[in-house]
């Protein structure tokens, strides 16, 4: 169970590294616009805002990656903290922006948190 929990934590971290890349570097490209369903005009006007959002996703990924190398009990505590942050942000995003965020961000984080708690 511990291995499965750590694999899911790593997967959630990888998802958020991908979000960082999309939001910071690919936002104003065809791929970025397709991923977020935006227009060229909107992506151009909101690129700085998206880059800031991508930076936050990078911090979340960094925390989860850090947790993979930390020893217990710190590992367990770091993972719980960052996964809860992602769940809260995902629920908020689902309510305010798009329900899709619930499945792309909060869902994987909730599943990883469940395994972390069960394995812990």
Protein backbone atom coordinates (compact mmCIF):
# COMPACT_ATOMS: atom_id res chain seq x y z
CA UNK A 1 0.00 0.00 0.00
CA UNK A 2 2.90 2.36 0.78
CA UNK A 3 4.36 1.90 -2.70
CA UNK A 4 0.99 2.60 -4.33
CA UNK A 5 0.60 5.75 -2.23
CA UNK A 6 4.03 7.03 -3.23
CA UNK A 7 3.39 6.25 -6.91
CA UNK A 8 0.14 8.24 -6.78
CA UNK A 9 1.86 11.15 -5.02
CA UNK A 10 4.49 11.13 -7.79
CA UNK A 11 1.75 11.03 -10.43
CA UNK A 12 -0.04 14.01 -8.85
CA UNK A 13 3.28 15.89 -8.77
CA UNK A 14 3.83 15.07 -12.46
CA UNK A 15 0.34 16.34 -13.33
CA UNK A 16 1.16 19.64 -11.67
CA UNK A 17 4.52 19.93 -13.42
CA UNK A 18 2.53 19.50 -16.64
CA UNK A 19 0.14 22.26 -15.53
CA UNK A 20 3.15 24.49 -14.84
CA UNK A 21 4.45 23.90 -18.37
CA UNK A 22 1.04 24.49 -19.93
CA UNK A 23 0.34 27.66 -17.96
CA UNK A 24 3.81 29.22 -17.93
CA UNK A 25 5.19 28.27 -21.33
CA UNK A 26 2.41 26.98 -23.58
CA UNK A 27 -0.53 29.17 -22.54
CA UNK A 28 -0.46 31.37 -25.64
CA UNK A 29 0.05 28.49 -28.08
CA UNK A 30 -2.44 26.32 -29.91
CA UNK A 31 -1.81 23.47 -27.46
CA UNK A 32 -2.38 25.71 -24.45
CA UNK A 33 -5.55 27.22 -25.93
CA UNK A 34 -6.88 23.75 -26.74
CA UNK A 35 -6.12 22.44 -23.24
CA UNK A 36 -7.96 25.31 -21.55
CA UNK A 37 -10.55 26.10 -24.21
CA UNK A 38 -9.45 29.71 -24.68
CA UNK A 39 -9.25 32.00 -27.67
CA UNK A 40 -6.07 33.53 -29.06
CA UNK A 41 -7.13 36.96 -27.81
CA UNK A 42 -7.90 35.71 -24.31
CA UNK A 43 -4.68 33.69 -24.03
CA UNK A 44 -2.63 36.66 -25.18
CA UNK A 45 -4.28 39.02 -22.69
CA UNK A 46 -4.12 36.59 -19.76
CA UNK A 47 -0.64 35.10 -20.28
CA UNK A 48 0.88 36.82 -17.23
CA UNK A 49 -1.98 35.69 -15.02
CA UNK A 50 -1.66 32.13 -16.33
CA UNK A 51 2.10 32.14 -15.71
CA UNK A 52 1.46 33.15 -12.11
CA UNK A 53 -1.02 30.30 -11.78
CA UNK A 54 1.53 27.93 -13.30
CA UNK A 55 4.07 29.01 -10.72
CA UNK A 56 1.64 28.03 -7.95
CA UNK A 57 1.19 24.63 -9.57
CA UNK A 58 4.97 24.32 -9.63
CA UNK A 59 5.13 25.00 -5.90
CA UNK A 60 2.55 22.27 -5.29
CA UNK A 61 4.56 19.84 -7.42
CA UNK A 62 7.78 20.83 -5.63
CA UNK A 63 6.23 20.11 -2.26
CA UNK A 64 5.06 16.68 -3.36
CA UNK A 65 8.43 15.87 -4.94
CA UNK A 66 10.17 16.99 -1.74
CA UNK A 67 7.90 14.66 0.21
CA UNK A 68 9.03 11.69 -1.86
CA UNK A 69 12.59 12.17 -0.60
CA UNK A 70 11.78 13.08 3.00
CA UNK A 71 11.78 10.58 5.84
CA UNK A 72 8.75 9.77 7.95
CA UNK A 73 7.04 11.28 9.87
CA UNK A 74 7.86 14.42 7.87
CA UNK A 75 7.07 12.70 4.54
CA UNK A 76 3.61 11.77 5.72
CA UNK A 77 2.89 15.27 7.03
CA UNK A 78 4.17 17.02 3.89
CA UNK A 79 2.09 14.77 1.65
CA UNK A 80 -1.06 15.33 3.68
CA UNK A 81 -0.55 19.10 3.65
CA UNK A 82 0.13 19.47 -0.09
CA UNK A 83 -2.56 16.99 -1.15
CA UNK A 84 -5.16 18.80 0.97
CA UNK A 85 -4.06 22.11 -0.59
CA UNK A 86 -4.60 20.62 -4.05
CA UNK A 87 -7.99 19.21 -3.11
CA UNK A 88 -9.17 22.56 -1.73
CA UNK A 89 -7.86 24.41 -4.80
CA UNK A 90 -9.46 21.82 -7.09
CA UNK A 91 -12.86 22.09 -5.40
CA UNK A 92 -12.68 25.88 -5.52
CA UNK A 93 -11.70 25.77 -9.19
CA UNK A 94 -14.53 23.36 -9.94
CA UNK A 95 -17.04 25.71 -8.31
CA UNK A 96 -15.70 28.93 -9.81
CA UNK A 97 -14.17 27.97 -13.17
CA UNK A 98 -14.96 24.51 -14.52
CA UNK A 99 -16.28 21.25 -13.10
CA UNK A 100 -13.50 19.53 -15.07
CA UNK A 101 -10.99 20.76 -12.46
CA UNK A 102 -12.64 18.53 -9.89
CA UNK A 103 -11.68 15.46 -11.91
CA UNK A 104 -8.29 16.64 -13.19
CA UNK A 105 -6.91 18.16 -9.97
CA UNK A 106 -8.98 17.34 -6.89
CA UNK A 107 -9.78 13.75 -7.84
CA UNK A 108 -6.22 12.47 -8.24
CA UNK A 109 -5.14 14.38 -5.12
CA UNK A 110 -8.02 12.90 -3.11
CA UNK A 111 -7.17 9.40 -4.27
CA UNK A 112 -3.50 9.91 -3.39
CA UNK A 113 -4.46 11.36 0.01
CA UNK A 114 -6.66 8.35 0.72
CA UNK A 115 -3.80 5.97 -0.01
CA UNK A 116 -1.32 8.06 1.98
CA UNK A 117 -3.65 7.99 5.00
CA UNK A 118 -4.37 4.27 4.71
CA UNK A 119 -0.69 3.42 4.22
CA UNK A 120 0.41 5.76 7.00
